[in-house]
PDB file of N, CA and C in Angstrom:
ATOM      1  N   MET A   1     118.103  77.961  65.117  1.00  0.00           N
ATOM      2  CA  MET A   1     117.049  77.574  66.073  1.00  0.00           C
ATOM      3  C   MET A   1     116.463  78.710  66.559  1.00  0.00           C
ATOM      4  N   ARG A   2     117.149  79.919  66.547  1.00  0.00           N
ATOM      5  CA  ARG A   2     116.532  81.170  67.210  1.00  0.00           C
ATOM      6  C   ARG A   2     115.560  81.864  66.226  1.00  0.00           C
ATOM      7  N   TRP A   3     115.501  81.356  65.058  1.00  0.00           N
ATOM      8  CA  TRP A   3     114.486  81.853  64.113  1.00  0.00           C
ATOM      9  C   TRP A   3     113.245  81.070  64.383  1.00  0.00           C
ATOM     10  N   VAL A   4     113.476  79.855  64.573  1.00  0.00           N
ATOM     11  CA  VAL A   4     112.226  78.947  64.844  1.00  0.00           C
ATOM     12  C   VAL A   4     111.565  79.390  66.018  1.00  0.00           C
ATOM     13  N   HIS A   5     112.411  79.752  67.143  1.00  0.00           N
ATOM     14  CA  HIS A   5     111.664  80.233  68.485  1.00  0.00           C
ATOM     15  C   HIS A   5     110.914  81.443  68.063  1.00  0.00           C
ATOM     16  N   LEU A   6     111.591  82.367  67.398  1.00  0.00           N
ATOM     17  CA  LEU A   6     111.074  83.791  67.103  1.00  0.00           C
ATOM     18  C   LEU A   6     109.698  83.755  66.302  1.00  0.00           C
ATOM     19  N   ALA A   7     109.828  82.525  65.325  1.00  0.00           N
ATOM     20  CA  ALA A   7     108.518  82.262  64.542  1.00  0.00           C
ATOM     21  C   ALA A   7     107.351  81.729  65.400  1.00  0.00           C
ATOM     22  N   VAL A   8     107.688  80.994  66.371  1.00  0.00           N
ATOM     23  CA  VAL A   8     106.609  80.419  67.220  1.00  0.00           C
ATOM     24  C   VAL A   8     106.152  81.416  67.792  1.00  0.00           C
ATOM     25  N   ILE A   9     106.860  82.482  68.530  1.00  0.00           N
ATOM     26  CA  ILE A   9     106.400  83.521  69.239  1.00  0.00           C
ATOM     27  C   ILE A   9     105.523  84.492  68.464  1.00  0.00           C
ATOM     28  N   VAL A  10     105.891  84.653  67.384  1.00  0.00           N
ATOM     29  CA  VAL A  10     105.154  85.557  66.404  1.00  0.00           C
ATOM     30  C   VAL A  10     103.758  85.056  66.037  1.00  0.00           C
ATOM     31  N   VAL A  11     103.832  83.557  65.730  1.00  0.00           N
ATOM     32  CA  VAL A  11     102.390  82.885  65.435  1.00  0.00           C
ATOM     33  C   VAL A  11     101.591  82.955  66.567  1.00  0.00           C
ATOM     34  N   LEU A  12     102.031  82.772  67.867  1.00  0.00           N
ATOM     35  CA  LEU A  12     101.285  82.718  68.986  1.00  0.00           C
ATOM     36  C   LEU A  12     100.804  84.032  69.290  1.00  0.00           C
ATOM     37  N   ALA A  13     101.422  85.044  69.098  1.00  0.00           N
ATOM     38  CA  ALA A  13     101.130  86.513  69.481  1.00  0.00           C
ATOM     39  C   ALA A  13      99.918  86.848  68.561  1.00  0.00           C
ATOM     40  N   ALA A  14     100.274  86.387  67.274  1.00  0.00           N
ATOM     41  CA  ALA A  14      99.347  86.767  65.978  1.00  0.00           C
ATOM     42  C   ALA A  14      97.856  85.865  66.358  1.00  0.00           C
ATOM     43  N   VAL A  15      98.003  84.771  66.672  1.00  0.00           N
ATOM     44  CA  VAL A  15      96.754  83.971  67.153  1.00  0.00           C
ATOM     45  C   VAL A  15      96.158  84.684  68.134  1.00  0.00           C
ATOM     46  N   THR A  16      96.708  85.026  69.280  1.00  0.00           N
ATOM     47  CA  THR A  16      96.107  85.645  70.488  1.00  0.00           C
ATOM     48  C   THR A  16      95.534  86.854  70.124  1.00  0.00           C
ATOM     49  N   LEU A  17      96.161  87.788  69.239  1.00  0.00           N
ATOM     50  CA  LEU A  17      95.507  89.062  68.583  1.00  0.00           C
ATOM     51  C   LEU A  17      94.143  88.879  67.787  1.00  0.00           C
ATOM     52  N   ILE A  18      94.362  87.730  67.083  1.00  0.00           N
ATOM     53  CA  ILE A  18      93.109  87.661  66.158  1.00  0.00           C
ATOM     54  C   ILE A  18      91.924  87.027  67.122  1.00  0.00           C
ATOM     55  N   PHE A  19      92.355  86.082  67.979  1.00  0.00           N
ATOM     56  CA  PHE A  19      91.325  85.853  68.837  1.00  0.00           C
ATOM     57  C   PHE A  19      90.599  86.939  69.643  1.00  0.00           C
ATOM     58  N   ALA A  20      91.625  87.753  70.212  1.00  0.00           N
ATOM     59  CA  ALA A  20      91.066  89.142  70.908  1.00  0.00           C
ATOM     60  C   ALA A  20      89.982  89.912  70.167  1.00  0.00           C
ATOM     61  N   ALA A  21      90.622  90.104  68.741  1.00  0.00           N
ATOM     62  CA  ALA A  21      89.869  90.859  67.873  1.00  0.00           C
ATOM     63  C   ALA A  21      88.408  90.330  67.644  1.00  0.00           C
ATOM     64  N   GLN A  22      88.322  89.047  67.547  1.00  0.00           N
ATOM     65  CA  GLN A  22      87.054  88.315  67.145  1.00  0.00           C
ATOM     66  C   GLN A  22      86.031  88.286  68.417  1.00  0.00           C
ATOM     67  N   ASN A  23      86.576  88.434  69.660  1.00  0.00           N
ATOM     68  CA  ASN A  23      85.701  88.233  70.712  1.00  0.00           C
ATOM     69  C   ASN A  23      85.751  89.594  71.821  1.00  0.00           C
ATOM     70  N   LEU A  24      84.855  90.520  71.298  1.00  0.00           N
ATOM     71  CA  LEU A  24      84.698  91.736  71.899  1.00  0.00           C
ATOM     72  C   LEU A  24      83.660  91.804  72.977  1.00  0.00           C
ATOM     73  N   GLU A  25      82.991  90.720  73.057  1.00  0.00           N
ATOM     74  CA  GLU A  25      81.723  90.888  74.261  1.00  0.00           C
ATOM     75  C   GLU A  25      82.423  90.981  75.634  1.00  0.00           C
ATOM     76  N   THR A  26      81.530  91.461  76.533  1.00  0.00           N
ATOM     77  CA  THR A  26      82.047  91.670  77.752  1.00  0.00           C
ATOM     78  C   THR A  26      81.775  90.523  78.632  1.00  0.00           C
ATOM     79  N   VAL A  27      82.788  90.357  79.532  1.00  0.00           N
ATOM     80  CA  VAL A  27      82.585  89.128  80.351  1.00  0.00           C
ATOM     81  C   VAL A  27      83.147  89.629  81.878  1.00  0.00           C
ATOM     82  N   THR A  28      82.480  88.770  82.749  1.00  0.00           N
ATOM     83  CA  THR A  28      82.831  89.147  84.219  1.00  0.00           C
ATOM     84  C   THR A  28      83.797  87.892  84.809  1.00  0.00           C
ATOM     85  N   ILE A  29      84.966  88.459  85.402  1.00  0.00           N
ATOM     86  CA  ILE A  29      85.572  87.446  85.940  1.00  0.00           C
ATOM     87  C   ILE A  29      85.742  87.625  87.399  1.00  0.00           C
ATOM     88  N   SER A  30      85.543  86.743  88.283  1.00  0.00           N
ATOM     89  CA  SER A  30      85.543  86.938  89.625  1.00  0.00           C
ATOM     90  C   SER A  30      86.845  86.272  90.254  1.00  0.00           C
ATOM     91  N   PHE A  31      87.351  86.991  91.242  1.00  0.00           N
ATOM     92  CA  PHE A  31      88.793  86.682  91.739  1.00  0.00           C
ATOM     93  C   PHE A  31      88.739  87.335  93.103  1.00  0.00           C
ATOM     94  N   PHE A  32      88.734  86.308  94.277  1.00  0.00           N
ATOM     95  CA  PHE A  32      88.820  86.835  95.691  1.00  0.00           C
ATOM     96  C   PHE A  32      87.735  87.894  96.041  1.00  0.00           C
ATOM     97  N   LYS A  33      86.550  87.496  95.591  1.00  0.00           N
ATOM     98  CA  LYS A  33      85.263  88.293  95.795  1.00  0.00           C
ATOM     99  C   LYS A  33      85.461  89.534  94.971  1.00  0.00           C
ATOM    100  N   MET A  34      86.185  89.895  94.067  1.00  0.00           N
ATOM    101  CA  MET A  34      86.353  90.997  93.224  1.00  0.00           C
ATOM    102  C   MET A  34      85.675  90.599  91.844  1.00  0.00           C
ATOM    103  N   ASN A  35      84.934  91.399  91.324  1.00  0.00           N
ATOM    104  CA  ASN A  35      84.412  91.225  89.922  1.00  0.00           C
ATOM    105  C   ASN A  35      85.004  92.202  89.046  1.00  0.00           C
ATOM    106  N   VAL A  36      85.456  91.761  88.053  1.00  0.00           N
ATOM    107  CA  VAL A  36      85.949  92.725  86.937  1.00  0.00           C
ATOM    108  C   VAL A  36      85.276  92.314  85.469  1.00  0.00           C
ATOM    109  N   SER A  37      84.688  93.485  84.994  1.00  0.00           N
ATOM    110  CA  SER A  37      83.924  93.197  83.807  1.00  0.00           C
ATOM    111  C   SER A  37      84.594  94.048  82.634  1.00  0.00           C
ATOM    112  N   LEU A  38      85.107  93.398  81.799  1.00  0.00           N
ATOM    113  CA  LEU A  38      85.954  93.778  80.623  1.00  0.00           C
ATOM    114  C   LEU A  38      85.698  92.995  79.323  1.00  0.00           C
ATOM    115  N   PRO A  39      85.889  93.676  78.119  1.00  0.00           N
ATOM    116  CA  PRO A  39      85.901  92.799  77.100  1.00  0.00           C
ATOM    117  C   PRO A  39      86.897  91.773  77.127  1.00  0.00           C
ATOM    118  N   LEU A  40      86.464  90.449  76.616  1.00  0.00           N
ATOM    119  CA  LEU A  40      87.139  89.224  76.638  1.00  0.00           C
ATOM    120  C   LEU A  40      88.393  89.499  75.884  1.00  0.00           C
ATOM    121  N   ALA A  41      88.653  90.301  74.903  1.00  0.00           N
ATOM    122  CA  ALA A  41      89.924  90.718  74.292  1.00  0.00           C
ATOM    123  C   ALA A  41      90.824  91.337  75.310  1.00  0.00           C
ATOM    124  N   VAL A  42      90.378  92.080  76.123  1.00  0.00           N
ATOM    125  CA  VAL A  42      91.402  92.802  77.314  1.00  0.00           C
ATOM    126  C   VAL A  42      91.740  91.610  77.985  1.00  0.00           C
ATOM    127  N   HIS A  43      90.960  90.841  78.517  1.00  0.00           N
ATOM    128  CA  HIS A  43      91.179  89.688  79.439  1.00  0.00           C
ATOM    129  C   HIS A  43      92.275  88.901  78.755  1.00  0.00           C
ATOM    130  N   THR A  44      92.123  88.522  77.540  1.00  0.00           N
ATOM    131  CA  THR A  44      92.850  87.560  76.773  1.00  0.00           C
ATOM    132  C   THR A  44      94.305  88.229  76.611  1.00  0.00           C
ATOM    133  N   ILE A  45      94.363  89.477  76.452  1.00  0.00           N
ATOM    134  CA  ILE A  45      95.664  90.046  76.183  1.00  0.00           C
ATOM    135  C   ILE A  45      96.376  90.248  77.579  1.00  0.00           C
ATOM    136  N   VAL A  46      95.659  90.513  78.766  1.00  0.00           N
ATOM    137  CA  VAL A  46      96.377  90.529  80.012  1.00  0.00           C
ATOM    138  C   VAL A  46      96.769  89.235  80.372  1.00  0.00           C
ATOM    139  N   VAL A  47      96.194  88.273  80.234  1.00  0.00           N
ATOM    140  CA  VAL A  47      96.542  86.828  80.533  1.00  0.00           C
ATOM    141  C   VAL A  47      97.689  86.548  79.715  1.00  0.00           C
ATOM    142  N   TYR A  48      97.829  86.814  78.429  1.00  0.00           N
ATOM    143  CA  TYR A  48      99.196  86.340  77.466  1.00  0.00           C
ATOM    144  C   TYR A  48     100.144  87.031  78.065  1.00  0.00           C
ATOM    145  N   LEU A  49      99.979  88.438  78.350  1.00  0.00           N
ATOM    146  CA  LEU A  49     101.067  89.292  78.819  1.00  0.00           C
ATOM    147  C   LEU A  49     101.673  88.491  80.290  1.00  0.00           C
ATOM    148  N   LEU A  50     100.908  88.282  81.242  1.00  0.00           N
ATOM    149  CA  LEU A  50     101.166  87.952  82.431  1.00  0.00           C
ATOM    150  C   LEU A  50     101.926  86.412  82.176  1.00  0.00           C
ATOM    151  N   GLY A  51     101.453  85.679  81.385  1.00  0.00           N
ATOM    152  CA  GLY A  51     102.159  84.364  81.138  1.00  0.00           C
ATOM    153  C   GLY A  51     103.575  84.609  80.534  1.00  0.00           C
ATOM    154  N   ALA A  52     103.669  85.476  79.548  1.00  0.00           N
ATOM    155  CA  ALA A  52     104.952  85.786  79.062  1.00  0.00           C
ATOM    156  C   ALA A  52     106.091  86.351  79.876  1.00  0.00           C
ATOM    157  N   VAL A  53     105.518  87.264  81.006  1.00  0.00           N
ATOM    158  CA  VAL A  53     106.359  87.849  81.917  1.00  0.00           C
ATOM    159  C   VAL A  53     106.683  86.656  82.974  1.00  0.00           C
ATOM    160  N   THR A  54     105.679  85.977  83.555  1.00  0.00           N
ATOM    161  CA  THR A  54     105.965  84.905  84.342  1.00  0.00           C
ATOM    162  C   THR A  54     106.911  83.610  83.770  1.00  0.00           C
ATOM    163  N   GLY A  55     106.522  83.278  82.557  1.00  0.00           N
ATOM    164  CA  GLY A  55     107.380  82.314  81.831  1.00  0.00           C
ATOM    165  C   GLY A  55     108.869  82.910  81.675  1.00  0.00           C
ATOM    166  N   GLY A  56     109.068  84.040  81.174  1.00  0.00           N
ATOM    167  CA  GLY A  56     110.397  84.503  81.176  1.00  0.00           C
ATOM    168  C   GLY A  56     111.146  84.620  82.311  1.00  0.00           C
ATOM    169  N   SER A  57     110.340  85.043  83.396  1.00  0.00           N
ATOM    170  CA  SER A  57     111.013  85.057  84.728  1.00  0.00           C
ATOM    171  C   SER A  57     111.486  83.649  85.132  1.00  0.00           C
ATOM    172  N   LEU A  58     110.497  82.680  85.117  1.00  0.00           N
ATOM    173  CA  LEU A  58     111.093  81.382  85.448  1.00  0.00           C
ATOM    174  C   LEU A  58     112.001  80.603  84.645  1.00  0.00           C
ATOM    175  N   PHE A  59     112.122  80.962  83.249  1.00  0.00           N
ATOM    176  CA  PHE A  59     113.174  80.456  82.540  1.00  0.00           C
ATOM    177  C   PHE A  59     114.462  81.251  82.827  1.00  0.00           C
ATOM    178  N   ALA A  60     114.528  82.524  83.197  1.00  0.00           N
ATOM    179  CA  ALA A  60     115.673  83.088  83.770  1.00  0.00           C
ATOM    180  C   ALA A  60     116.238  82.455  84.879  1.00  0.00           C
ATOM    181  N   LEU A  61     115.274  82.303  85.979  1.00  0.00           N
ATOM    182  CA  LEU A  61     115.669  81.854  87.182  1.00  0.00           C
ATOM    183  C   LEU A  61     116.169  80.314  86.931  1.00  0.00           C
ATOM    184  N   LEU A  62     115.544  79.478  86.105  1.00  0.00           N
ATOM    185  CA  LEU A  62     116.211  78.180  86.156  1.00  0.00           C
ATOM    186  C   LEU A  62     117.521  78.205  85.338  1.00  0.00           C
ATOM    187  N   ARG A  63     117.597  79.159  84.159  1.00  0.00           N
ATOM    188  CA  ARG A  63     119.043  79.267  83.684  1.00  0.00           C
ATOM    189  C   ARG A  63     120.101  79.684  84.792  1.00  0.00           C
ATOM    190  N   ARG A  64     119.766  80.655  85.394  1.00  0.00           N
ATOM    191  CA  ARG A  64     120.868  81.093  86.477  1.00  0.00           C
ATOM    192  C   ARG A  64     121.104  80.043  87.441  1.00  0.00           C
ATOM    193  N   SER A  65     120.096  79.267  87.857  1.00  0.00           N
ATOM    194  CA  SER A  65     120.085  78.297  88.889  1.00  0.00           C
ATOM    195  C   SER A  65     121.285  77.085  88.343  1.00  0.00           C
ATOM    196  N   TYR A  66     120.738  76.783  87.023  1.00  0.00           N
ATOM    197  CA  TYR A  66     121.625  75.714  86.205  1.00  0.00           C
ATOM    198  C   TYR A  66     123.060  76.197  86.072  1.00  0.00           C
ATOM    199  N   ALA A  67     123.309  77.484  85.760  1.00  0.00           N
ATOM    200  CA  ALA A  67     124.722  77.996  85.673  1.00  0.00           C
ATOM    201  C   ALA A  67     125.368  78.078  86.917  1.00  0.00           C
ATOM    202  N   GLY A  68     124.660  78.430  87.945  1.00  0.00           N
ATOM    203  CA  GLY A  68     125.338  78.401  89.173  1.00  0.00           C
ATOM    204  C   GLY A  68     125.571  77.065  89.896  1.00  0.00           C
ATOM    205  N   SER A  69     124.744  76.051  89.319  1.00  0.00           N
ATOM    206  CA  SER A  69     125.315  74.676  89.906  1.00  0.00           C
ATOM    207  C   SER A  69     126.422  74.155  89.105  1.00  0.00           C
ATOM    208  N   LYS A  70     126.786  74.691  87.976  1.00  0.00           N
ATOM    209  CA  LYS A  70     127.867  74.131  87.189  1.00  0.00           C
ATOM    210  C   LYS A  70     129.337  74.658  87.589  1.00  0.00           C
ATOM    211  N   ARG A  71     129.194  75.899  88.454  1.00  0.00           N
ATOM    212  CA  ARG A  71     130.504  76.667  88.841  1.00  0.00           C
ATOM    213  C   ARG A  71     131.092  75.841  89.987  1.00  0.00           C
ATOM    214  N   SER A  72     132.240  75.723  90.167  1.00  0.00           N
ATOM    215  CA  SER A  72     132.946  74.970  91.201  1.00  0.00           C
ATOM    216  C   SER A  72     132.825  75.776  92.421  1.00  0.00           C
ATOM    217  N   VAL A  73     132.758  75.089  93.429  1.00  0.00           N
ATOM    218  CA  VAL A  73     132.696  75.674  94.644  1.00  0.00           C
ATOM    219  C   VAL A  73     134.070  76.376  95.270  1.00  0.00           C
ATOM    220  N   GLY A  74     135.168  75.401  94.994  1.00  0.00           N
ATOM    221  CA  GLY A  74     136.461  76.079  95.669  1.00  0.00           C
ATOM    222  C   GLY A  74     137.139  76.753  94.659  1.00  0.00           C
TER     223      GLY A  74
END
């Protein structure tokens, strides 16, 4: 099963990189009255990495919470 998960990660990363390479035009993103103009490829890669970090952190938190709930109190 570990190989399946690794294959899914590799495929998603490859699709993200291909998308980023094909979309090099500059876009502007506004957030809290701040404007950032960068190539769409940069935005795509930043969002992908932020998603990976937050998803990994959430998964680790849930795994620790589940393991802690299975331990005996006494």
